[in-house]
């Protein structure tokens, strides 16, 4: 694994988080987000999640953000369930970023009192599906009819990780 600095996400990270996510959106095909986000959008995630929302960022020794994870209360599955989103800079996968982020996220999510984590992934996002499977998430629901905000049907697969 590449040595990384893993830290709790804070408002000062919002610009870098938005930039990283916007690069992924521009490439297409791996996130349900279709429109670019601003640092204010990321700060809104942080604000609306309240005390049970948290994120971790991964930075290289030189300070470049190479990934982040975010969890917050799932809007429909109840207060014991966190929803997770994971993003890794294109071209930097396979060097342990996701593993190191999830180790921190898993511990902190358990400490916040969640019982399990939901990861709902586009069915055509092979790397995302493989990542969550490799962390121990198990499929509990599929929705082959799920559509993106632009109407494209891509399907979604929901996986869970019991804490």
C-alpha atoms as a PDB file:
ATOM      1  CA  UNK A   1       0.000   0.000   0.000  1.00  0.00           C
ATOM      2  CA  UNK A   2       1.095   3.522  -0.750  1.00  0.00           C
ATOM      3  CA  UNK A   3       1.619   5.658   2.370  1.00  0.00           C
ATOM      4  CA  UNK A   4      -1.267   8.064   2.624  1.00  0.00           C
ATOM      5  CA  UNK A   5      -2.503  10.576   5.130  1.00  0.00           C
ATOM      6  CA  UNK A   6      -6.091   9.703   6.103  1.00  0.00           C
ATOM      7  CA  UNK A   7      -7.970  12.436   7.968  1.00  0.00           C
ATOM      8  CA  UNK A   8     -11.521  13.425   8.865  1.00  0.00           C
ATOM      9  CA  UNK A   9     -13.046  15.574   6.153  1.00  0.00           C
ATOM     10  CA  UNK A  10     -13.714  19.161   7.134  1.00  0.00           C
ATOM     11  CA  UNK A  11     -15.096  22.227   5.326  1.00  0.00           C
ATOM     12  CA  UNK A  12     -11.560  23.168   4.225  1.00  0.00           C
ATOM     13  CA  UNK A  13     -11.495  19.945   2.155  1.00  0.00           C
ATOM     14  CA  UNK A  14     -14.682  20.769   0.238  1.00  0.00           C
ATOM     15  CA  UNK A  15     -12.952  22.374  -2.777  1.00  0.00           C
ATOM     16  CA  UNK A  16     -10.596  19.414  -3.296  1.00  0.00           C
ATOM     17  CA  UNK A  17     -13.455  16.953  -2.766  1.00  0.00           C
ATOM     18  CA  UNK A  18     -15.560  18.738  -5.396  1.00  0.00           C
ATOM     19  CA  UNK A  19     -12.641  18.870  -7.844  1.00  0.00           C
ATOM     20  CA  UNK A  20     -11.936  15.138  -7.444  1.00  0.00           C
ATOM     21  CA  UNK A  21     -15.605  14.225  -7.830  1.00  0.00           C
ATOM     22  CA  UNK A  22     -15.990  16.507 -10.851  1.00  0.00           C
ATOM     23  CA  UNK A  23     -13.116  14.719 -12.589  1.00  0.00           C
ATOM     24  CA  UNK A  24     -14.957  11.425 -12.072  1.00  0.00           C
ATOM     25  CA  UNK A  25     -18.233  12.938 -13.316  1.00  0.00           C
ATOM     26  CA  UNK A  26     -16.471  14.265 -16.448  1.00  0.00           C
ATOM     27  CA  UNK A  27     -15.156  10.787 -17.266  1.00  0.00           C
ATOM     28  CA  UNK A  28     -18.653   9.331 -16.807  1.00  0.00           C
ATOM     29  CA  UNK A  29     -19.967   5.862 -16.183  1.00  0.00           C
ATOM     30  CA  UNK A  30     -19.159   5.320 -12.517  1.00  0.00           C
ATOM     31  CA  UNK A  31     -21.214   7.708 -10.408  1.00  0.00           C
ATOM     32  CA  UNK A  32     -24.878   8.576 -10.218  1.00  0.00           C
ATOM     33  CA  UNK A  33     -23.859  12.240 -10.154  1.00  0.00           C
ATOM     34  CA  UNK A  34     -24.137  13.693 -13.638  1.00  0.00           C
ATOM     35  CA  UNK A  35     -23.698  17.404 -13.003  1.00  0.00           C
ATOM     36  CA  UNK A  36     -20.603  19.068 -11.558  1.00  0.00           C
ATOM     37  CA  UNK A  37     -20.646  19.976  -7.884  1.00  0.00           C
ATOM     38  CA  UNK A  38     -19.242  23.012  -6.137  1.00  0.00           C
ATOM     39  CA  UNK A  39     -17.451  23.257  -2.826  1.00  0.00           C
ATOM     40  CA  UNK A  40     -20.710  24.725  -1.482  1.00  0.00           C
ATOM     41  CA  UNK A  41     -22.527  21.535  -2.517  1.00  0.00           C
ATOM     42  CA  UNK A  42     -20.003  19.468  -0.563  1.00  0.00           C
ATOM     43  CA  UNK A  43     -20.310  21.776   2.435  1.00  0.00           C
ATOM     44  CA  UNK A  44     -24.087  21.316   2.233  1.00  0.00           C
ATOM     45  CA  UNK A  45     -23.550  17.528   2.501  1.00  0.00           C
ATOM     46  CA  UNK A  46     -21.565  18.145   5.639  1.00  0.00           C
ATOM     47  CA  UNK A  47     -24.102  20.562   7.106  1.00  0.00           C
ATOM     48  CA  UNK A  48     -27.272  18.582   6.341  1.00  0.00           C
ATOM     49  CA  UNK A  49     -25.800  15.271   7.553  1.00  0.00           C
ATOM     50  CA  UNK A  50     -25.592  16.625  11.066  1.00  0.00           C
ATOM     51  CA  UNK A  51     -23.585  14.933  13.807  1.00  0.00           C
ATOM     52  CA  UNK A  52     -24.023  11.442  12.304  1.00  0.00           C
ATOM     53  CA  UNK A  53     -22.401  12.357   8.999  1.00  0.00           C
ATOM     54  CA  UNK A  54     -18.696  12.022   8.499  1.00  0.00           C
ATOM     55  CA  UNK A  55     -16.097  11.763   5.838  1.00  0.00           C
ATOM     56  CA  UNK A  56     -12.477  10.848   5.443  1.00  0.00           C
ATOM     57  CA  UNK A  57     -10.038  12.136   2.866  1.00  0.00           C
ATOM     58  CA  UNK A  58      -6.891  10.465   1.574  1.00  0.00           C
ATOM     59  CA  UNK A  59      -3.934  12.632   0.621  1.00  0.00           C
ATOM     60  CA  UNK A  60      -0.490  11.790  -0.668  1.00  0.00           C
ATOM     61  CA  UNK A  61       2.582  12.858   1.248  1.00  0.00           C
ATOM     62  CA  UNK A  62       2.700  15.866  -1.119  1.00  0.00           C
ATOM     63  CA  UNK A  63      -0.852  16.841  -0.084  1.00  0.00           C
ATOM     64  CA  UNK A  64      -2.775  15.845  -3.225  1.00  0.00           C
ATOM     65  CA  UNK A  65      -6.244  14.478  -2.462  1.00  0.00           C
ATOM     66  CA  UNK A  66      -6.539  11.046  -4.068  1.00  0.00           C
ATOM     67  CA  UNK A  67      -9.818   9.890  -2.563  1.00  0.00           C
ATOM     68  CA  UNK A  68     -12.596  10.417  -0.078  1.00  0.00           C
ATOM     69  CA  UNK A  69     -15.474   8.575   1.530  1.00  0.00           C
ATOM     70  CA  UNK A  70     -18.616  10.010   3.005  1.00  0.00           C
ATOM     71  CA  UNK A  71     -21.306   8.420   5.198  1.00  0.00           C
ATOM     72  CA  UNK A  72     -24.506   9.901   6.523  1.00  0.00           C
ATOM     73  CA  UNK A  73     -27.904   8.649   7.693  1.00  0.00           C
ATOM     74  CA  UNK A  74     -29.779   6.766   4.978  1.00  0.00           C
ATOM     75  CA  UNK A  75     -32.909   8.781   4.114  1.00  0.00           C
ATOM     76  CA  UNK A  76     -35.289   5.793   3.946  1.00  0.00           C
ATOM     77  CA  UNK A  77     -33.769   2.800   5.757  1.00  0.00           C
ATOM     78  CA  UNK A  78     -33.939   4.182   9.278  1.00  0.00           C
ATOM     79  CA  UNK A  79     -31.558   5.707  11.822  1.00  0.00           C
ATOM     80  CA  UNK A  80     -29.435   2.556  12.194  1.00  0.00           C
ATOM     81  CA  UNK A  81     -28.324   2.642   8.557  1.00  0.00           C
ATOM     82  CA  UNK A  82     -25.591   4.787   7.054  1.00  0.00           C
ATOM     83  CA  UNK A  83     -25.265   5.324   3.319  1.00  0.00           C
ATOM     84  CA  UNK A  84     -21.754   5.457   1.895  1.00  0.00           C
ATOM     85  CA  UNK A  85     -20.181   7.096  -1.129  1.00  0.00           C
ATOM     86  CA  UNK A  86     -16.578   6.462  -2.176  1.00  0.00           C
ATOM     87  CA  UNK A  87     -14.493   8.324  -4.722  1.00  0.00           C
ATOM     88  CA  UNK A  88     -10.906   7.694  -5.842  1.00  0.00           C
ATOM     89  CA  UNK A  89      -8.990   9.881  -8.281  1.00  0.00           C
ATOM     90  CA  UNK A  90      -8.820   8.357 -11.740  1.00  0.00           C
ATOM     91  CA  UNK A  91      -5.463   6.722 -12.402  1.00  0.00           C
ATOM     92  CA  UNK A  92      -4.742   6.072  -8.720  1.00  0.00           C
ATOM     93  CA  UNK A  93      -6.831   2.964  -8.135  1.00  0.00           C
ATOM     94  CA  UNK A  94      -5.228  -0.277  -6.991  1.00  0.00           C
ATOM     95  CA  UNK A  95      -2.803   1.297  -4.524  1.00  0.00           C
ATOM     96  CA  UNK A  96      -4.808   0.843  -1.328  1.00  0.00           C
ATOM     97  CA  UNK A  97      -6.661   4.167  -1.159  1.00  0.00           C
ATOM     98  CA  UNK A  98     -10.091   2.559  -0.772  1.00  0.00           C
ATOM     99  CA  UNK A  99      -8.814   0.058   1.790  1.00  0.00           C
ATOM    100  CA  UNK A 100      -7.306   2.746   3.979  1.00  0.00           C
ATOM    101  CA  UNK A 101     -10.364   4.980   3.691  1.00  0.00           C
ATOM    102  CA  UNK A 102     -12.757   2.168   4.553  1.00  0.00           C
ATOM    103  CA  UNK A 103     -10.770   1.115   7.609  1.00  0.00           C
ATOM    104  CA  UNK A 104     -11.185   4.622   9.048  1.00  0.00           C
ATOM    105  CA  UNK A 105     -14.811   4.933   7.893  1.00  0.00           C
ATOM    106  CA  UNK A 106     -15.840   1.532   9.261  1.00  0.00           C
ATOM    107  CA  UNK A 107     -14.500   2.288  12.735  1.00  0.00           C
ATOM    108  CA  UNK A 108     -15.984   5.787  12.891  1.00  0.00           C
ATOM    109  CA  UNK A 109     -19.363   4.639  11.556  1.00  0.00           C
ATOM    110  CA  UNK A 110     -19.561   1.949  14.217  1.00  0.00           C
ATOM    111  CA  UNK A 111     -18.616   4.524  16.872  1.00  0.00           C
ATOM    112  CA  UNK A 112     -21.518   6.692  15.703  1.00  0.00           C
ATOM    113  CA  UNK A 113     -23.920   3.855  16.532  1.00  0.00           C
ATOM    114  CA  UNK A 114     -24.899   2.670  13.079  1.00  0.00           C
ATOM    115  CA  UNK A 115     -25.781  -1.044  12.716  1.00  0.00           C
ATOM    116  CA  UNK A 116     -24.923  -1.356   9.036  1.00  0.00           C
ATOM    117  CA  UNK A 117     -23.798   0.544   5.937  1.00  0.00           C
ATOM    118  CA  UNK A 118     -25.670   0.668   2.633  1.00  0.00           C
ATOM    119  CA  UNK A 119     -23.748   1.081  -0.616  1.00  0.00           C
ATOM    120  CA  UNK A 120     -26.048   1.541  -3.595  1.00  0.00           C
ATOM    121  CA  UNK A 121     -24.050   1.398  -6.807  1.00  0.00           C
ATOM    122  CA  UNK A 122     -24.831   1.773 -10.485  1.00  0.00           C
ATOM    123  CA  UNK A 123     -25.131  -1.722 -11.948  1.00  0.00           C
ATOM    124  CA  UNK A 124     -22.728  -0.739 -14.741  1.00  0.00           C
ATOM    125  CA  UNK A 125     -20.040   0.438 -12.291  1.00  0.00           C
ATOM    126  CA  UNK A 126     -17.879  -2.687 -12.259  1.00  0.00           C
ATOM    127  CA  UNK A 127     -15.057  -1.111 -10.260  1.00  0.00           C
ATOM    128  CA  UNK A 128     -17.464   0.137  -7.580  1.00  0.00           C
ATOM    129  CA  UNK A 129     -19.209  -3.219  -7.316  1.00  0.00           C
ATOM    130  CA  UNK A 130     -15.850  -5.002  -7.051  1.00  0.00           C
ATOM    131  CA  UNK A 131     -14.582  -2.533  -4.450  1.00  0.00           C
ATOM    132  CA  UNK A 132     -17.544  -2.949  -2.102  1.00  0.00           C
ATOM    133  CA  UNK A 133     -17.560  -6.734  -2.566  1.00  0.00           C
ATOM    134  CA  UNK A 134     -13.865  -6.820  -1.624  1.00  0.00           C
ATOM    135  CA  UNK A 135     -14.621  -4.919   1.601  1.00  0.00           C
ATOM    136  CA  UNK A 136     -17.189  -7.553   2.634  1.00  0.00           C
ATOM    137  CA  UNK A 137     -20.411  -5.892   1.470  1.00  0.00           C
ATOM    138  CA  UNK A 138     -23.133  -8.334   0.395  1.00  0.00           C
ATOM    139  CA  UNK A 139     -25.888  -7.714  -2.134  1.00  0.00           C
ATOM    140  CA  UNK A 140     -29.319  -7.393  -0.551  1.00  0.00           C
ATOM    141  CA  UNK A 141     -31.350  -5.699  -3.280  1.00  0.00           C
ATOM    142  CA  UNK A 142     -31.214  -5.062  -7.014  1.00  0.00           C
ATOM    143  CA  UNK A 143     -33.211  -2.595  -9.063  1.00  0.00           C
ATOM    144  CA  UNK A 144     -32.651  -3.258 -12.767  1.00  0.00           C
ATOM    145  CA  UNK A 145     -35.064  -0.439 -13.670  1.00  0.00           C
ATOM    146  CA  UNK A 146     -33.240   2.321 -11.769  1.00  0.00           C
ATOM    147  CA  UNK A 147     -32.622   5.446 -13.793  1.00  0.00           C
ATOM    148  CA  UNK A 148     -30.195   8.311 -13.572  1.00  0.00           C
ATOM    149  CA  UNK A 149     -31.425  11.882 -13.299  1.00  0.00           C
ATOM    150  CA  UNK A 150     -31.222  12.231 -17.094  1.00  0.00           C
ATOM    151  CA  UNK A 151     -33.555   9.251 -17.602  1.00  0.00           C
ATOM    152  CA  UNK A 152     -30.940   6.683 -18.641  1.00  0.00           C
ATOM    153  CA  UNK A 153     -31.698   3.260 -17.237  1.00  0.00           C
ATOM    154  CA  UNK A 154     -28.563   1.761 -15.646  1.00  0.00           C
ATOM    155  CA  UNK A 155     -29.954  -0.293 -12.781  1.00  0.00           C
ATOM    156  CA  UNK A 156     -28.630  -0.211  -9.247  1.00  0.00           C
ATOM    157  CA  UNK A 157     -27.323  -2.802  -6.844  1.00  0.00           C
ATOM    158  CA  UNK A 158     -27.565  -2.275  -3.094  1.00  0.00           C
ATOM    159  CA  UNK A 159     -25.016  -3.900  -0.830  1.00  0.00           C
ATOM    160  CA  UNK A 160     -24.770  -3.945   2.943  1.00  0.00           C
ATOM    161  CA  UNK A 161     -21.966  -4.181   5.442  1.00  0.00           C
ATOM    162  CA  UNK A 162     -22.954  -5.200   8.952  1.00  0.00           C
ATOM    163  CA  UNK A 163     -21.031  -3.362  11.629  1.00  0.00           C
END
